[in-house]
C-alpha cells in the first residue's frame, strides 16, 4: 500500500551534457514562473474573463501584450506544443489545398513526428519542391496553381544541410507570396526571442525578424530556446490569427492555466531584461571558467570517495542545447571522468541511475562522463552523497 502511494515522479541529476533534455522534461522553469503557477493554481483567476467588460475573453489575452511587444506581431495564440501549432494553422488555412514546401525542409521531430505526416493529418496537401540539398525560388513559382493555399518555410532546427546546397530566403518567399497573393507561413521550431550569438553561440533565427520580413504566420516552441513551459506559439497577421482561433480544433489544443501562467511569467522576464535568469538561458550561457571550477572541485572530492575503486579526473568537453535546438553546434564545457578499475562502466552507470536521486551521465570509451554545465550548488552535495552510496554498494559486491 505504501509503495502505491509514492509518486513515480523522481528528481534526476542531469550530467548528460544535454541542457534541454526531452526525456527529462525539457526546460526548467524560473522561480518567477513557478511562483506564477502556484498563484494561478491557488486562486480563481481571469483565465477567460475580461474584467473590464465583464464578458468572456480568450486565454491568449493574458500573454497577448507581452508577445506583441517581444515579436512586434499583430496577434497571437498559445497552444499545447509547436506540432499542434503547425497542425492548427494548416488545417485552418489550407485544408484540402496545397502547401508548397522545399523538400530539404521536410523535417522529422522527436518521436517520429514528421512534417509530411502533420500536414496530412491537417487535411492540407503537401507540394514538395526542389531537391533535398538545393531549392530555388523558381521551384516555388513553378509549383503555384489555383489550388495553392500557402507558401511554407520550415527552419531545420534539429539538423543542418552543408556542402553543395542552395535554399530560398524568407524575404524572397514573402515577396513571391505578395506578388501571387498567397499567404506565407514559417515554422521556426525552437524559436529564439533573443540573439544568442552575443553569448558566443551560433546565430539562430529570431522570431521578431520573421515578422519584420512580412511573414503572415509564424509558429515556434515555448519550451526550447525560449525557456518556458511546453507550448506552441502562433503569431502573425490579425486576420489569420482570428480564423485560426475560431477553428473547432482550437478547443483540442488549448493550454491550461498552469501553462499560461508559466509562459506569461517567462515572457515577462524577457520584457524586464531578466532573461539570463531563466534556467535554460543561464545554463546555455554559463561561463566556462565557472563550470571548470565546479568540475575540478567535484573531481577532487570524487577521487577521495572512490579511492582505489576508480580513477577520477576532470577534462574539457562539450555540451549541447538539446531538443533539436542548435543541432550540429556544441558548447565548450568541463567534464568529470570516472573510470572504474575492477568493474564495468555500465555497472557503475547503473548504480548511479538507480540511486535514490538518479544521476544520469553518459558513457564514453569505458568511462562515465559527468558534464557539470547543468549542475549547481544545491545539487553538488546530493551528487557527493550519492557517490558515497555508490561506492558503498561497490564495496559490498566485491
Protein backbone atom coordinates (compact mmCIF):
# COMPACT_ATOMS: atom_id res chain seq x y z
CA UNK A 1 0.00 0.00 0.00
CA UNK A 2 2.80 2.41 0.90
CA UNK A 3 4.57 1.85 -2.42
CA UNK A 4 1.37 2.60 -4.33
CA UNK A 5 1.10 5.92 -2.53
CA UNK A 6 4.56 7.05 -3.63
CA UNK A 7 4.80 9.37 -6.60
CA UNK A 8 6.56 7.85 -9.63
CA UNK A 9 7.95 11.30 -10.44
CA UNK A 10 11.59 11.45 -9.40
CA UNK A 11 14.15 14.20 -9.38
CA UNK A 12 17.16 13.47 -11.61
CA UNK A 13 20.62 14.99 -11.59
CA UNK A 14 21.30 15.65 -15.25
CA UNK A 15 25.00 15.39 -16.10
CA UNK A 16 24.48 14.17 -19.67
CA UNK A 17 25.63 17.45 -21.20
CA UNK A 18 22.21 17.97 -22.82
CA UNK A 19 20.68 21.12 -21.39
CA UNK A 20 17.11 20.96 -22.71
CA UNK A 21 16.62 17.21 -22.41
CA UNK A 22 13.32 16.00 -23.87
CA UNK A 23 13.32 12.81 -21.78
CA UNK A 24 13.95 14.79 -18.59
CA UNK A 25 11.16 17.35 -19.10
CA UNK A 26 12.99 19.90 -21.26
CA UNK A 27 13.40 23.42 -19.86
CA UNK A 28 13.45 24.07 -16.12
CA UNK A 29 11.11 26.88 -15.14
CA UNK A 30 12.31 30.05 -13.46
CA UNK A 31 11.39 30.87 -9.87
CA UNK A 32 9.10 33.60 -11.20
CA UNK A 33 7.28 31.12 -13.44
CA UNK A 34 6.88 28.59 -10.62
CA UNK A 35 5.54 31.30 -8.32
CA UNK A 36 3.07 32.39 -11.00
CA UNK A 37 1.85 28.82 -11.49
CA UNK A 38 1.39 28.37 -7.74
CA UNK A 39 -0.62 31.61 -7.61
CA UNK A 40 -2.83 30.55 -10.54
CA UNK A 41 -3.44 27.11 -9.04
CA UNK A 42 -4.30 28.54 -5.62
CA UNK A 43 -6.84 31.10 -6.81
CA UNK A 44 -9.62 31.74 -9.24
CA UNK A 45 -8.06 33.86 -11.99
CA UNK A 46 -9.15 35.81 -15.06
CA UNK A 47 -8.20 32.96 -17.41
CA UNK A 48 -11.04 33.52 -19.89
CA UNK A 49 -12.66 36.56 -18.33
CA UNK A 50 -12.37 40.16 -19.43
CA UNK A 51 -12.51 42.16 -16.21
CA UNK A 52 -13.19 45.49 -17.96
CA UNK A 53 -16.20 44.30 -19.96
CA UNK A 54 -17.39 41.56 -17.64
CA UNK A 55 -17.61 39.28 -20.66
CA UNK A 56 -15.89 36.05 -21.60
CA UNK A 57 -12.44 36.56 -23.10
CA UNK A 58 -9.87 34.21 -24.58
CA UNK A 59 -6.88 32.65 -22.83
CA UNK A 60 -4.34 34.33 -25.06
CA UNK A 61 -5.32 37.73 -23.65
CA UNK A 62 -3.03 37.09 -20.66
CA UNK A 63 0.07 36.80 -22.85
CA UNK A 64 -1.03 38.87 -25.86
CA UNK A 65 0.58 42.20 -24.93
CA UNK A 66 3.85 40.54 -23.96
CA UNK A 67 4.05 38.55 -27.19
CA UNK A 68 3.23 41.66 -29.23
CA UNK A 69 5.99 43.65 -27.56
CA UNK A 70 8.59 40.90 -27.94
CA UNK A 71 7.80 39.95 -31.54
CA UNK A 72 6.03 43.03 -33.00
CA UNK A 73 3.21 40.80 -34.26
CA UNK A 74 -0.43 41.85 -34.63
CA UNK A 75 -1.89 38.96 -32.63
CA UNK A 76 -1.06 35.57 -31.12
CA UNK A 77 -2.37 32.21 -29.94
CA UNK A 78 -0.93 29.80 -27.36
CA UNK A 79 -1.43 26.04 -27.85
CA UNK A 80 -0.01 22.95 -26.16
CA UNK A 81 3.06 22.44 -28.39
CA UNK A 82 4.56 23.53 -31.69
CA UNK A 83 3.34 20.46 -33.58
CA UNK A 84 -0.20 21.45 -32.58
CA UNK A 85 0.51 24.99 -33.71
CA UNK A 86 1.55 23.80 -37.17
CA UNK A 87 -1.39 21.39 -37.40
CA UNK A 88 -3.91 24.05 -36.39
CA UNK A 89 -2.56 26.63 -38.85
CA UNK A 90 -2.51 24.20 -41.77
CA UNK A 91 -5.99 22.87 -41.00
CA UNK A 92 -7.37 26.41 -40.84
CA UNK A 93 -5.62 27.94 -43.83
CA UNK A 94 -5.02 25.04 -46.20
CA UNK A 95 -7.45 22.16 -45.63
CA UNK A 96 -7.99 20.43 -48.97
CA UNK A 97 -5.50 22.74 -50.66
CA UNK A 98 -1.80 22.65 -51.48
CA UNK A 99 1.05 23.90 -49.31
CA UNK A 100 4.38 24.42 -51.07
CA UNK A 101 7.45 23.38 -49.05
CA UNK A 102 11.08 22.80 -50.00
CA UNK A 103 11.98 19.11 -50.00
CA UNK A 104 15.03 19.92 -47.87
CA UNK A 105 12.78 21.28 -45.10
CA UNK A 106 10.55 18.24 -44.56
CA UNK A 107 11.83 17.71 -41.04
CA UNK A 108 11.16 14.93 -38.56
CA UNK A 109 10.98 16.00 -34.93
CA UNK A 110 11.23 13.79 -31.85
CA UNK A 111 9.09 10.68 -31.58
CA UNK A 112 8.99 10.20 -35.38
CA UNK A 113 6.57 13.10 -35.94
CA UNK A 114 7.19 14.28 -39.48
CA UNK A 115 6.09 17.48 -41.20
CA UNK A 116 4.52 15.49 -44.09
CA UNK A 117 2.52 13.43 -41.57
CA UNK A 118 1.39 16.51 -39.65
CA UNK A 119 0.38 18.11 -42.94
CA UNK A 120 -1.57 15.01 -43.99
CA UNK A 121 -3.37 14.95 -40.64
CA UNK A 122 -4.31 18.61 -41.06
CA UNK A 123 -6.06 17.91 -44.35
CA UNK A 124 -3.58 20.00 -46.33
CA UNK A 125 -1.89 18.65 -49.45
CA UNK A 126 1.91 18.66 -49.47
CA UNK A 127 3.54 20.06 -52.59
CA UNK A 128 7.27 19.34 -52.42
CA UNK A 129 9.62 21.48 -54.49
CA UNK A 130 13.34 21.41 -55.21
CA UNK A 131 15.69 18.65 -54.10
CA UNK A 132 16.98 17.63 -50.69
CA UNK A 133 20.03 19.88 -50.94
CA UNK A 134 19.08 22.58 -53.47
CA UNK A 135 15.88 24.59 -53.86
CA UNK A 136 15.43 27.80 -55.87
CA UNK A 137 12.74 30.49 -56.00
CA UNK A 138 11.71 29.28 -59.45
CA UNK A 139 10.77 25.94 -57.88
CA UNK A 140 8.17 27.68 -55.72
CA UNK A 141 6.98 29.81 -58.63
CA UNK A 142 6.54 26.84 -60.97
CA UNK A 143 4.55 24.92 -58.34
CA UNK A 144 1.94 27.64 -57.76
CA UNK A 145 -1.52 26.92 -59.16
CA UNK A 146 -5.16 27.74 -58.43
CA UNK A 147 -5.18 25.23 -55.56
CA UNK A 148 -2.18 26.74 -53.72
CA UNK A 149 -3.16 27.93 -50.23
CA UNK A 150 0.20 28.56 -48.54
CA UNK A 151 3.90 29.01 -49.13
CA UNK A 152 5.64 27.44 -46.15
CA UNK A 153 9.19 27.63 -44.86
CA UNK A 154 10.42 25.30 -42.11
CA UNK A 155 13.53 26.08 -40.08
CA UNK A 156 15.58 22.91 -39.85
CA UNK A 157 16.23 23.39 -36.14
CA UNK A 158 17.28 19.78 -35.50
CA UNK A 159 19.65 19.27 -38.45
CA UNK A 160 21.71 21.28 -40.90
CA UNK A 161 22.46 20.77 -44.59
CA UNK A 162 26.03 21.63 -45.53
CA UNK A 163 28.14 21.40 -48.67
CA UNK A 164 26.58 21.75 -52.12
CA UNK A 165 23.34 23.41 -51.03
CA UNK A 166 21.00 26.22 -52.00
CA UNK A 167 17.88 27.46 -50.27
CA UNK A 168 15.46 30.31 -50.65
CA UNK A 169 15.48 33.04 -48.01
CA UNK A 170 12.29 34.04 -46.25
CA UNK A 171 12.43 37.54 -47.79
CA UNK A 172 12.21 36.05 -51.29
CA UNK A 173 9.34 33.76 -50.34
CA UNK A 174 7.45 36.67 -48.76
CA UNK A 175 7.94 38.76 -51.92
CA UNK A 176 6.62 35.89 -54.06
CA UNK A 177 3.66 35.44 -51.74
CA UNK A 178 2.74 39.11 -52.02
CA UNK A 179 3.10 39.00 -55.80
CA UNK A 180 0.80 35.97 -56.09
CA UNK A 181 -1.48 36.95 -53.17
CA UNK A 182 -0.65 33.76 -51.27
CA UNK A 183 -0.02 33.86 -47.50
CA UNK A 184 3.36 32.76 -46.16
CA UNK A 185 3.83 30.61 -43.06
CA UNK A 186 7.12 29.94 -41.29
CA UNK A 187 7.73 27.24 -38.68
CA UNK A 188 10.74 28.33 -36.62
CA UNK A 189 10.78 25.26 -34.38
CA UNK A 190 12.93 26.18 -31.36
CA UNK A 191 12.05 29.87 -31.53
CA UNK A 192 14.68 32.21 -30.11
CA UNK A 193 13.43 35.57 -28.80
CA UNK A 194 16.93 36.98 -28.37
CA UNK A 195 20.17 36.85 -30.34
CA UNK A 196 22.20 34.10 -28.68
CA UNK A 197 25.26 34.91 -30.80
CA UNK A 198 26.13 37.65 -28.28
CA UNK A 199 27.00 34.79 -25.92
CA UNK A 200 29.30 33.20 -28.48
CA UNK A 201 26.68 30.76 -29.78
CA UNK A 202 25.74 30.29 -33.45
CA UNK A 203 23.10 32.68 -34.74
CA UNK A 204 19.58 31.26 -34.78
CA UNK A 205 16.57 32.88 -36.48
CA UNK A 206 14.94 35.40 -34.15
CA UNK A 207 11.15 35.38 -34.08
CA UNK A 208 10.87 39.16 -34.42
CA UNK A 209 12.90 39.08 -37.65
CA UNK A 210 10.35 36.80 -39.31
CA UNK A 211 7.55 39.24 -38.53
CA UNK A 212 9.67 42.14 -39.81
CA UNK A 213 10.22 40.18 -43.03
CA UNK A 214 6.48 40.21 -43.63
CA UNK A 215 5.66 36.57 -42.84
CA UNK A 216 1.91 36.18 -42.30
CA UNK A 217 2.00 33.33 -39.76
CA UNK A 218 4.93 32.17 -37.59
CA UNK A 219 4.95 29.17 -35.24
CA UNK A 220 7.54 28.24 -32.60
CA UNK A 221 8.01 26.41 -29.30
CA UNK A 222 7.68 27.99 -25.89
CA UNK A 223 9.79 25.40 -24.09
CA UNK A 224 13.06 25.20 -26.01
CA UNK A 225 15.27 28.24 -26.61
CA UNK A 226 12.56 30.44 -25.11
CA UNK A 227 12.86 28.57 -21.79
CA UNK A 228 9.21 28.36 -20.76
CA UNK A 229 6.67 25.54 -20.33
CA UNK A 230 5.82 23.11 -23.13
CA UNK A 231 3.69 25.13 -25.51
CA UNK A 232 3.35 26.26 -29.09
CA UNK A 233 3.07 29.91 -30.02
CA UNK A 234 1.35 31.18 -33.17
CA UNK A 235 1.89 34.80 -34.14
CA UNK A 236 1.10 36.88 -37.17
CA UNK A 237 -1.48 38.95 -39.01
CA UNK A 238 -4.71 39.57 -37.13
CA UNK A 239 -6.99 38.27 -39.92
CA UNK A 240 -5.23 34.91 -39.98
CA UNK A 241 -4.98 34.60 -36.20
CA UNK A 242 -8.70 35.29 -35.89
CA UNK A 243 -9.52 32.47 -38.33
CA UNK A 244 -7.17 30.08 -36.54
CA UNK A 245 -8.67 30.92 -33.14
CA UNK A 246 -12.17 30.14 -34.47
CA UNK A 247 -11.15 26.67 -35.66
CA UNK A 248 -13.04 23.96 -33.68
CA UNK A 249 -9.69 22.17 -33.20
CA UNK A 250 -8.59 25.09 -31.02
CA UNK A 251 -10.51 23.52 -28.16
CA UNK A 252 -8.45 20.33 -28.55
CA UNK A 253 -5.06 22.03 -28.33
CA UNK A 254 -5.66 24.87 -25.90
CA UNK A 255 -3.50 25.19 -22.80
CA UNK A 256 -4.45 25.17 -19.12
CA UNK A 257 -3.96 27.97 -16.61
CA UNK A 258 -0.70 26.44 -15.40
CA UNK A 259 0.88 26.67 -18.85
CA UNK A 260 -0.44 30.18 -19.45
CA UNK A 261 0.83 31.33 -16.05
CA UNK A 262 4.30 29.84 -16.54
CA UNK A 263 4.60 31.25 -20.05
CA UNK A 264 3.36 34.69 -19.01
CA UNK A 265 5.97 34.91 -16.26
CA UNK A 266 8.73 33.73 -18.61
CA UNK A 267 7.80 36.27 -21.29
CA UNK A 268 7.68 39.00 -18.63
CA UNK A 269 11.28 38.17 -17.70
CA UNK A 270 12.32 38.95 -21.28
CA UNK A 271 10.44 42.25 -21.14
CA UNK A 272 12.14 43.15 -17.85
CA UNK A 273 15.61 42.23 -19.10
CA UNK A 274 15.89 39.20 -16.80
CA UNK A 275 16.20 36.51 -19.49
CA UNK A 276 19.63 35.48 -18.17
CA UNK A 277 17.84 34.29 -15.00
CA UNK A 278 15.74 31.80 -16.98
CA UNK A 279 17.36 28.43 -16.15
CA UNK A 280 17.79 27.22 -19.74
CA UNK A 281 19.31 30.52 -20.86
CA UNK A 282 21.51 30.61 -17.74
CA UNK A 283 22.82 27.10 -18.45
CA UNK A 284 23.39 27.75 -22.15
CA UNK A 285 25.34 30.93 -21.39
CA UNK A 286 27.10 29.75 -18.21
CA UNK A 287 30.78 30.86 -18.24
CA UNK A 288 33.24 28.05 -18.93
CA UNK A 289 35.56 29.13 -16.10
CA UNK A 290 32.72 28.70 -13.59
CA UNK A 291 31.94 25.21 -14.92
CA UNK A 292 35.64 24.28 -14.86
CA UNK A 293 35.96 25.38 -11.22
CA UNK A 294 32.97 23.25 -10.18
CA UNK A 295 34.26 20.25 -12.15
CA UNK A 296 37.76 20.42 -10.64
CA UNK A 297 36.48 20.70 -7.07
CA UNK A 298 33.99 17.89 -7.57
CA UNK A 299 36.53 15.63 -9.29
CA UNK A 300 38.87 16.05 -6.31
CA UNK A 301 36.09 15.08 -3.88
CA UNK A 302 35.00 12.12 -6.00
CA UNK A 303 38.62 10.96 -6.23
CA UNK A 304 38.75 10.82 -2.44
CA UNK A 305 35.43 8.95 -2.30
CA UNK A 306 36.30 6.29 -4.89
CA UNK A 307 39.94 5.99 -3.81
CA UNK A 308 41.25 2.74 -5.37
CA UNK A 309 37.88 1.74 -6.86
CA UNK A 310 38.01 4.15 -9.79
CA UNK A 311 40.23 6.74 -11.39
CA UNK A 312 38.71 10.23 -11.40
CA UNK A 313 39.84 13.33 -13.26
CA UNK A 314 38.43 16.40 -14.97
CA UNK A 315 38.83 17.44 -18.59
CA UNK A 316 37.48 19.81 -21.20
CA UNK A 317 34.40 18.60 -23.07
CA UNK A 318 31.28 19.81 -24.82
CA UNK A 319 27.58 20.25 -24.05
CA UNK A 320 24.65 20.50 -26.42
CA UNK A 321 21.47 22.55 -26.17
CA UNK A 322 19.18 19.62 -26.95
CA UNK A 323 15.55 19.20 -28.09
CA UNK A 324 16.56 19.88 -31.67
CA UNK A 325 17.98 23.35 -31.00
CA UNK A 326 21.39 24.25 -32.48
CA UNK A 327 21.69 20.71 -33.90
CA UNK A 328 25.31 20.49 -35.02
CA UNK A 329 26.75 23.03 -32.61
CA UNK A 330 28.46 22.14 -29.35
CA UNK A 331 29.19 24.39 -26.39
CA UNK A 332 32.55 24.18 -24.64
CA UNK A 333 32.12 22.67 -21.19
CA UNK A 334 34.02 20.75 -18.50
CA UNK A 335 33.55 17.10 -17.56
CA UNK A 336 34.31 14.80 -14.66
CA UNK A 337 35.60 11.44 -15.89
CA UNK A 338 35.18 8.30 -13.77
CA UNK A 339 36.98 5.16 -14.94
CA UNK A 340 36.14 2.11 -12.79
CA UNK A 341 39.04 -0.27 -12.14
CA UNK A 342 37.54 -3.68 -11.36
CA UNK A 343 34.02 -3.36 -12.73
CA UNK A 344 32.32 -2.36 -15.97
CA UNK A 345 31.40 1.24 -16.63
CA UNK A 346 27.88 0.02 -17.48
CA UNK A 347 27.54 -1.32 -13.93
CA UNK A 348 28.78 1.96 -12.48
CA UNK A 349 26.28 3.91 -14.60
CA UNK A 350 23.55 1.51 -13.46
CA UNK A 351 24.36 2.13 -9.78
CA UNK A 352 24.18 5.89 -10.29
CA UNK A 353 20.96 5.57 -12.29
CA UNK A 354 19.26 3.50 -9.58
CA UNK A 355 20.25 5.74 -6.68
CA UNK A 356 17.60 7.45 -4.53
CA UNK A 357 18.19 10.52 -6.68
CA UNK A 358 19.21 9.09 -10.08
CA UNK A 359 22.36 10.60 -11.59
CA UNK A 360 22.35 10.32 -15.37
CA UNK A 361 25.63 10.81 -17.21
CA UNK A 362 26.94 9.31 -20.42
CA UNK A 363 29.37 6.52 -21.23
CA UNK A 364 32.35 7.05 -23.50
CA UNK A 365 35.34 4.77 -24.08
CA UNK A 366 34.96 2.83 -20.85
CA UNK A 367 34.42 5.93 -18.71
CA UNK A 368 31.41 7.61 -17.13
CA UNK A 369 31.30 11.29 -18.09
CA UNK A 370 29.56 13.92 -15.96
CA UNK A 371 29.08 17.31 -17.59
CA UNK A 372 28.95 20.00 -14.90
CA UNK A 373 27.21 22.67 -17.01
CA UNK A 374 23.77 21.77 -15.65
CA UNK A 375 24.80 21.17 -12.02
CA UNK A 376 24.58 23.97 -9.45
CA UNK A 377 25.43 24.36 -5.76
CA UNK A 378 22.13 22.95 -4.48
CA UNK A 379 22.82 19.64 -6.27
CA UNK A 380 26.52 19.30 -5.52
CA UNK A 381 26.04 17.86 -2.03
CA UNK A 382 23.46 15.41 -3.39
CA UNK A 383 25.94 14.27 -6.03
CA UNK A 384 28.64 13.65 -3.42
CA UNK A 385 26.29 11.78 -1.06
CA UNK A 386 25.03 9.60 -3.91
CA UNK A 387 28.61 8.87 -4.94
CA UNK A 388 29.36 7.68 -1.39
CA UNK A 389 26.35 5.35 -1.58
CA UNK A 390 27.51 4.05 -4.97
CA UNK A 391 30.99 3.42 -3.53
CA UNK A 392 29.48 1.51 -0.56
CA UNK A 393 27.42 -0.68 -2.90
CA UNK A 394 30.51 -1.46 -4.97
CA UNK A 395 32.43 -2.44 -1.83
CA UNK A 396 29.58 -4.71 -0.70
CA UNK A 397 29.64 -6.51 -4.04
CA UNK A 398 33.38 -7.14 -4.01
